[in-house]
Amino acid sequence: MNQVKKRNGTIVDFSSDKITSAVSKAFLACNVAITEEELSEMTKAVLTAINDGGYGQIPSVEKIQDIVELVIMNAGYHE
């Protein structure tokens, strides 16, 4: 996957760094500590889910956000 569809419909280059940043910000917002290793593993899990999920060539930001939330919850963090 090389691109993502933004909420306004534009297609932009995909960056896994944005997933890592979003996961990190979620933990900061909940005041929960997370190790770099956990952060890396969650990012990898999101990327795997996106690639294996059959979301087409260009997944939407909303679909990626849903996957991020599921990965965080599957890791045992429900807040």
C-alpha atoms as a PDB file:
ATOM      1  CA  MET A   1       0.000   0.000   0.000  1.00  0.00           C
ATOM      2  CA  ASN A   2       1.442   3.303  -1.064  1.00  0.00           C
ATOM      3  CA  GLN A   3      -1.465   5.695  -0.777  1.00  0.00           C
ATOM      4  CA  VAL A   4      -4.405   6.572   1.455  1.00  0.00           C
ATOM      5  CA  LYS A   5      -7.690   8.351   0.804  1.00  0.00           C
ATOM      6  CA  LYS A   6      -8.180  11.342   3.089  1.00  0.00           C
ATOM      7  CA  ARG A   7     -11.531  12.458   4.489  1.00  0.00           C
ATOM      8  CA  ASN A   8     -11.868  15.138   1.827  1.00  0.00           C
ATOM      9  CA  GLY A   9     -11.419  12.523  -0.902  1.00  0.00           C
ATOM     10  CA  THR A  10      -7.888  13.402  -1.928  1.00  0.00           C
ATOM     11  CA  ILE A  11      -5.319  10.660  -2.372  1.00  0.00           C
ATOM     12  CA  VAL A  12      -1.983  11.158  -0.609  1.00  0.00           C
ATOM     13  CA  ASP A  13       1.160   9.118  -0.019  1.00  0.00           C
ATOM     14  CA  PHE A  14       0.904   6.669   2.861  1.00  0.00           C
ATOM     15  CA  SER A  15       3.295   6.969   5.807  1.00  0.00           C
ATOM     16  CA  SER A  16       3.497   4.371   8.560  1.00  0.00           C
ATOM     17  CA  ASP A  17       5.007   7.093  10.757  1.00  0.00           C
ATOM     18  CA  LYS A  18       1.550   8.656  10.960  1.00  0.00           C
ATOM     19  CA  ILE A  19       0.166   5.417  12.402  1.00  0.00           C
ATOM     20  CA  THR A  20       2.943   5.292  14.976  1.00  0.00           C
ATOM     21  CA  SER A  21       2.261   8.913  15.866  1.00  0.00           C
ATOM     22  CA  ALA A  22      -1.493   8.329  16.190  1.00  0.00           C
ATOM     23  CA  VAL A  23      -1.001   5.339  18.501  1.00  0.00           C
ATOM     24  CA  SER A  24       1.484   7.281  20.600  1.00  0.00           C
ATOM     25  CA  LYS A  25      -0.892  10.250  20.882  1.00  0.00           C
ATOM     26  CA  ALA A  26      -3.740   7.960  21.949  1.00  0.00           C
ATOM     27  CA  PHE A  27      -1.669   6.662  24.835  1.00  0.00           C
ATOM     28  CA  LEU A  28      -0.536  10.158  25.794  1.00  0.00           C
ATOM     29  CA  ALA A  29      -4.145  11.370  25.805  1.00  0.00           C
ATOM     30  CA  CYS A  30      -5.066   8.579  28.223  1.00  0.00           C
ATOM     31  CA  ASN A  31      -1.918   9.174  30.314  1.00  0.00           C
ATOM     32  CA  VAL A  32      -0.810   5.573  29.776  1.00  0.00           C
ATOM     33  CA  ALA A  33       2.848   4.665  29.350  1.00  0.00           C
ATOM     34  CA  ILE A  34       3.849   2.522  26.374  1.00  0.00           C
ATOM     35  CA  THR A  35       7.276   1.215  25.432  1.00  0.00           C
ATOM     36  CA  GLU A  36       8.854   1.811  22.045  1.00  0.00           C
ATOM     37  CA  GLU A  37       8.696  -1.948  21.482  1.00  0.00           C
ATOM     38  CA  GLU A  38       4.937  -2.041  22.146  1.00  0.00           C
ATOM     39  CA  LEU A  39       4.453   0.965  19.894  1.00  0.00           C
ATOM     40  CA  SER A  40       6.427  -0.717  17.127  1.00  0.00           C
ATOM     41  CA  GLU A  41       4.485  -3.977  17.500  1.00  0.00           C
ATOM     42  CA  MET A  42       1.143  -2.177  17.344  1.00  0.00           C
ATOM     43  CA  THR A  43       2.226  -0.294  14.230  1.00  0.00           C
ATOM     44  CA  LYS A  44       3.246  -3.574  12.607  1.00  0.00           C
ATOM     45  CA  ALA A  45      -0.091  -5.124  13.554  1.00  0.00           C
ATOM     46  CA  VAL A  46      -1.962  -2.216  11.958  1.00  0.00           C
ATOM     47  CA  LEU A  47       0.094  -2.489   8.768  1.00  0.00           C
ATOM     48  CA  THR A  48      -0.514  -6.236   8.602  1.00  0.00           C
ATOM     49  CA  ALA A  49      -4.255  -5.770   9.095  1.00  0.00           C
ATOM     50  CA  ILE A  50      -4.378  -3.142   6.366  1.00  0.00           C
ATOM     51  CA  ASN A  51      -2.431  -5.288   3.913  1.00  0.00           C
ATOM     52  CA  ASP A  52      -4.340  -8.485   4.711  1.00  0.00           C
ATOM     53  CA  GLY A  53      -7.771  -6.885   5.041  1.00  0.00           C
ATOM     54  CA  GLY A  54      -8.742  -6.633   1.414  1.00  0.00           C
ATOM     55  CA  TYR A  55      -9.446  -2.914   1.614  1.00  0.00           C
ATOM     56  CA  GLY A  56      -8.388  -2.325  -1.949  1.00  0.00           C
ATOM     57  CA  GLN A  57      -5.402  -0.498  -3.257  1.00  0.00           C
ATOM     58  CA  ILE A  58      -6.196   2.741  -1.435  1.00  0.00           C
ATOM     59  CA  PRO A  59      -7.780   2.410   2.030  1.00  0.00           C
ATOM     60  CA  SER A  60      -9.506   5.361   3.636  1.00  0.00           C
ATOM     61  CA  VAL A  61      -8.233   7.230   6.675  1.00  0.00           C
ATOM     62  CA  GLU A  62     -11.430   6.174   8.495  1.00  0.00           C
ATOM     63  CA  LYS A  63     -10.749   2.478   7.830  1.00  0.00           C
ATOM     64  CA  ILE A  64      -7.174   2.841   9.068  1.00  0.00           C
ATOM     65  CA  GLN A  65      -8.421   4.635  12.177  1.00  0.00           C
ATOM     66  CA  ASP A  66     -10.829   1.756  12.883  1.00  0.00           C
ATOM     67  CA  ILE A  67      -7.977  -0.736  12.538  1.00  0.00           C
ATOM     68  CA  VAL A  68      -5.757   1.293  14.882  1.00  0.00           C
ATOM     69  CA  GLU A  69      -8.498   1.288  17.523  1.00  0.00           C
ATOM     70  CA  LEU A  70      -8.975  -2.487  17.195  1.00  0.00           C
ATOM     71  CA  VAL A  71      -5.244  -3.153  17.471  1.00  0.00           C
ATOM     72  CA  ILE A  72      -4.998  -1.028  20.618  1.00  0.00           C
ATOM     73  CA  MET A  73      -7.993  -2.809  22.174  1.00  0.00           C
ATOM     74  CA  ASN A  74      -6.646  -6.238  21.155  1.00  0.00           C
ATOM     75  CA  ALA A  75      -3.446  -5.335  22.997  1.00  0.00           C
ATOM     76  CA  GLY A  76      -5.517  -5.009  26.173  1.00  0.00           C
ATOM     77  CA  TYR A  77      -5.951  -1.259  26.283  1.00  0.00           C
ATOM     78  CA  HIS A  78      -9.628  -0.389  26.321  1.00  0.00           C
ATOM     79  CA  GLU A  79      -9.654   3.154  27.658  1.00  0.00           C
END
